[in-house]
Protein backbone atom coordinates (compact mmCIF):
# COMPACT_ATOMS: atom_id res chain seq x y z
CA MET A 1 21.05 -28.29 -17.49
CA LYS A 2 18.29 -26.66 -16.63
CA SER A 3 18.67 -22.92 -15.52
CA ASN A 4 17.30 -21.12 -12.05
CA LEU A 5 15.05 -18.88 -14.21
CA GLU A 6 13.53 -22.63 -15.92
CA LEU A 7 13.81 -24.04 -12.68
CA GLY A 8 12.01 -21.55 -11.31
CA ASP A 9 8.93 -21.27 -14.21
CA THR A 10 8.42 -25.08 -14.18
CA PHE A 11 8.08 -24.55 -9.95
CA LEU A 12 5.56 -21.83 -10.66
CA SER A 13 3.76 -23.70 -12.89
CA HIS A 14 3.27 -26.82 -10.60
CA GLU A 15 2.11 -23.79 -8.18
CA ASN A 16 5.09 -24.69 -5.28
CA PHE A 17 5.75 -20.73 -4.87
CA ILE A 18 7.82 -21.18 -2.28
CA MET A 19 10.57 -23.52 -4.39
CA ALA A 20 9.86 -20.89 -7.70
CA ARG A 21 10.74 -17.97 -5.16
CA GLU A 22 14.09 -19.48 -4.10
CA LEU A 23 15.20 -19.71 -7.64
CA TYR A 24 13.72 -16.61 -9.24
CA GLU A 25 16.52 -14.83 -6.68
CA LYS A 26 18.86 -17.23 -7.26
CA ALA A 27 17.91 -15.83 -11.16
CA VAL A 28 18.40 -12.12 -10.20
CA LYS A 29 22.31 -12.83 -8.73
CA GLU A 30 23.23 -15.00 -11.60
CA ASP A 31 22.74 -11.96 -13.81
CA GLN A 32 18.99 -13.20 -15.02
CA GLU A 33 18.12 -10.46 -12.99
CA ASP A 34 14.91 -8.91 -15.25
CA GLN A 35 14.16 -12.10 -15.81
CA GLY A 36 14.48 -12.61 -12.18
CA LEU A 37 12.65 -10.20 -10.88
CA PHE A 38 9.77 -10.76 -13.60
CA GLY A 39 9.21 -13.91 -11.82
CA LEU A 40 9.18 -13.10 -8.45
CA ALA A 41 6.31 -10.85 -9.19
CA LEU A 42 4.51 -13.35 -11.11
CA CYS A 43 5.11 -15.94 -7.58
CA ALA A 44 3.85 -12.89 -5.41
CA TYR A 45 0.89 -12.25 -8.10
CA GLN A 46 -0.56 -15.74 -7.66
CA GLU A 47 -0.32 -15.99 -3.85
CA GLY A 48 -2.54 -13.02 -3.58
CA ASP A 49 0.82 -10.64 -2.64
CA LEU A 50 -0.37 -7.76 -4.88
CA VAL A 51 1.79 -4.69 -2.89
CA GLY A 52 4.44 -7.36 -3.13
CA CYS A 53 3.95 -7.86 -6.38
CA LEU A 54 4.31 -4.21 -7.50
CA GLN A 55 7.61 -3.89 -5.46
CA TYR A 56 9.42 -6.27 -8.35
CA LEU A 57 7.50 -4.71 -10.97
CA ASN A 58 8.38 -0.93 -9.93
CA ASP A 59 12.17 -2.34 -9.74
CA LEU A 60 12.24 -4.28 -12.72
CA LEU A 61 10.60 -0.88 -14.53
CA LYS A 62 13.06 0.69 -13.30
CA LYS A 63 15.73 -1.34 -14.53
CA VAL A 64 13.27 -2.32 -18.00
CA PRO A 65 11.55 0.64 -18.86
CA GLY A 66 9.82 -0.52 -21.97
CA HIS A 67 9.50 -4.14 -20.51
CA ALA A 68 5.83 -5.16 -22.01
CA ARG A 69 4.96 -8.36 -19.19
CA ALA A 70 5.78 -5.43 -16.38
CA PHE A 71 3.32 -3.15 -17.56
CA ASN A 72 0.59 -6.25 -17.82
CA LEU A 73 0.95 -7.27 -15.07
CA SER A 74 0.90 -4.52 -13.57
CA GLY A 75 -2.77 -3.82 -15.12
CA MET A 76 -3.70 -6.90 -13.83
CA VAL A 77 -2.79 -6.01 -10.46
CA ALA A 78 -4.95 -3.02 -10.81
CA ALA A 79 -7.66 -4.38 -12.54
CA ARG A 80 -7.60 -6.86 -9.29
CA ASN A 81 -8.06 -3.68 -7.28
CA GLY A 82 -10.96 -2.13 -9.10
CA ASP A 83 -8.54 0.35 -10.63
CA LEU A 84 -10.09 -0.24 -14.53
CA GLU A 85 -8.50 3.06 -15.41
CA GLY A 86 -5.40 2.77 -13.84
CA ALA A 87 -5.41 -1.15 -15.86
CA GLU A 88 -6.14 0.36 -19.24
CA LYS A 89 -3.53 2.95 -19.33
CA LEU A 90 -0.86 -0.12 -18.07
CA PHE A 91 -2.33 -1.98 -20.49
CA VAL A 92 -2.28 0.38 -23.32
CA ALA A 93 1.60 0.75 -21.92
CA ALA A 94 2.48 -3.04 -22.73
CA ILE A 95 0.75 -3.03 -25.99
CA GLU A 96 2.98 -0.30 -27.71
CA SER A 97 6.18 -1.98 -25.94
CA ASP A 98 5.32 -4.65 -27.97
CA PRO A 99 2.15 -4.35 -30.28
CA GLU A 100 2.44 -8.22 -30.44
CA PHE A 101 1.87 -9.20 -26.91
CA ILE A 102 -1.74 -10.98 -27.47
CA GLU A 103 -2.13 -11.63 -23.54
CA ALA A 104 -2.13 -7.39 -23.00
CA GLN A 105 -4.35 -6.92 -25.99
CA ARG A 106 -7.02 -9.55 -25.02
CA ASN A 107 -6.78 -8.11 -20.78
CA TYR A 108 -7.23 -4.38 -22.53
CA GLY A 109 -10.24 -5.35 -23.80
CA GLU A 110 -11.41 -6.91 -21.73
CA VAL A 111 -10.98 -3.85 -19.15
CA LEU A 112 -12.92 -2.35 -21.95
CA VAL A 113 -15.70 -4.23 -21.25
CA ALA A 114 -15.79 -4.07 -17.86
CA LYS A 115 -15.86 -0.31 -18.05
CA GLY A 116 -18.71 -0.65 -20.22
CA ASP A 117 -17.06 0.81 -23.69
CA TYR A 118 -18.73 -3.00 -25.16
CA SER A 119 -18.07 -1.57 -28.80
CA ASN A 120 -14.49 -0.89 -28.54
CA GLY A 121 -13.55 -4.16 -26.21
CA VAL A 122 -15.08 -6.56 -28.08
CA GLN A 123 -13.53 -5.02 -31.35
CA VAL A 124 -9.94 -5.42 -29.84
CA LEU A 125 -10.84 -8.90 -28.95
CA ASP A 126 -12.76 -9.38 -32.12
CA THR A 127 -9.50 -7.96 -33.95
CA ILE A 128 -7.42 -10.38 -31.89
CA LEU A 129 -9.15 -13.19 -33.55
CA LYS A 130 -8.57 -11.80 -37.09
CA LYS A 131 -5.07 -12.04 -36.65
CA HIS A 132 -4.67 -15.25 -34.14
CA PRO A 133 -8.19 -17.20 -34.37
CA GLU A 134 -6.80 -20.04 -32.42
CA ASP A 135 -6.65 -18.13 -29.55
CA ILE A 136 -8.44 -20.56 -27.15
CA PRO A 137 -8.38 -17.72 -23.85
CA THR A 138 -10.48 -15.02 -26.07
CA LEU A 139 -12.71 -17.29 -27.98
CA LEU A 140 -13.42 -18.05 -24.81
CA THR A 141 -13.78 -14.38 -23.70
CA MET A 142 -16.30 -13.63 -26.90
CA ALA A 143 -18.03 -16.69 -25.91
CA GLU A 144 -19.06 -15.81 -22.47
CA LEU A 145 -19.47 -12.01 -23.79
CA CYS A 146 -21.44 -13.46 -26.55
CA LEU A 147 -23.46 -15.89 -23.26
CA GLU A 148 -24.03 -12.30 -20.96
CA ALA A 149 -25.69 -11.11 -23.98
CA ASP A 150 -28.11 -13.79 -24.76
CA MET A 151 -26.76 -14.42 -27.50
CA THR A 152 -26.55 -18.18 -27.51
CA LYS A 153 -25.67 -19.16 -30.87
CA GLU A 154 -23.37 -16.81 -31.17
CA GLY A 155 -21.69 -17.75 -28.01
CA LEU A 156 -22.05 -21.32 -28.95
CA LEU A 157 -20.25 -20.43 -31.64
CA TYR A 158 -16.78 -19.78 -30.53
CA LEU A 159 -17.09 -22.49 -28.30
CA ASN A 160 -17.43 -24.64 -31.22
CA GLN A 161 -14.52 -22.89 -32.52
CA VAL A 162 -12.43 -23.53 -29.03
CA ILE A 163 -13.30 -27.51 -28.99
CA ASP A 164 -12.38 -27.89 -32.77
CA LEU A 165 -8.77 -26.63 -31.09
CA ASP A 166 -9.22 -28.81 -27.88
CA PRO A 167 -11.85 -31.14 -27.63
CA GLU A 168 -10.66 -31.39 -24.42
CA ASN A 169 -11.30 -28.27 -23.10
CA GLU A 170 -13.62 -27.98 -19.86
CA THR A 171 -14.32 -24.40 -19.72
CA ALA A 172 -15.58 -24.99 -23.35
CA LEU A 173 -17.60 -28.04 -22.18
CA GLU A 174 -18.85 -26.54 -19.29
CA MET A 175 -20.67 -23.48 -21.33
CA VAL A 176 -22.06 -25.80 -24.08
CA ARG A 177 -23.30 -28.01 -21.30
CA THR A 178 -24.72 -24.35 -19.92
CA ALA A 179 -25.43 -22.83 -23.12
CA GLU A 180 -27.76 -25.59 -24.51
CA GLU A 181 -29.64 -25.72 -21.31
CA ARG A 182 -30.86 -22.15 -21.89
CA LEU A 183 -31.53 -23.09 -25.72
CA ASP A 184 -34.09 -26.05 -24.60
């Protein structure tokens, strides 16, 4: 039988936030407080309730001060609110808490690019790909950056890597169509 936490994750993945929230609240009460609070924060984030999300994350960080995923999600909230400096600091905190946390590394690279620090941002993303050459989200980000910089051929190389890994990846397939139109 699945735990309330596992069921909450399932409902969250199907965007049934009402059921997910209910199950995460039960998990909080049943000695899975940390994971339940993080699940509640995710629900709030997905629903666009950034204030609620931050409240759950602050509660979580009081209980678990080095919670990498809480720092990362807090950084995502900051970035979504346009606070790129704050987002950068939170992504760095997430990476310091868990140096192997790829999503936080990717978010850090993306926020550097968003701040105009392209060289360091691309370097961060490139480092991820050296360690994890099959990381599709980072490959897509690199492809997007190449296409934005009118480096279409380089962008297509990244996109072809994605398609080799996931031939049905709709994002990559659409980006390839767009890129090939540029080359014609």
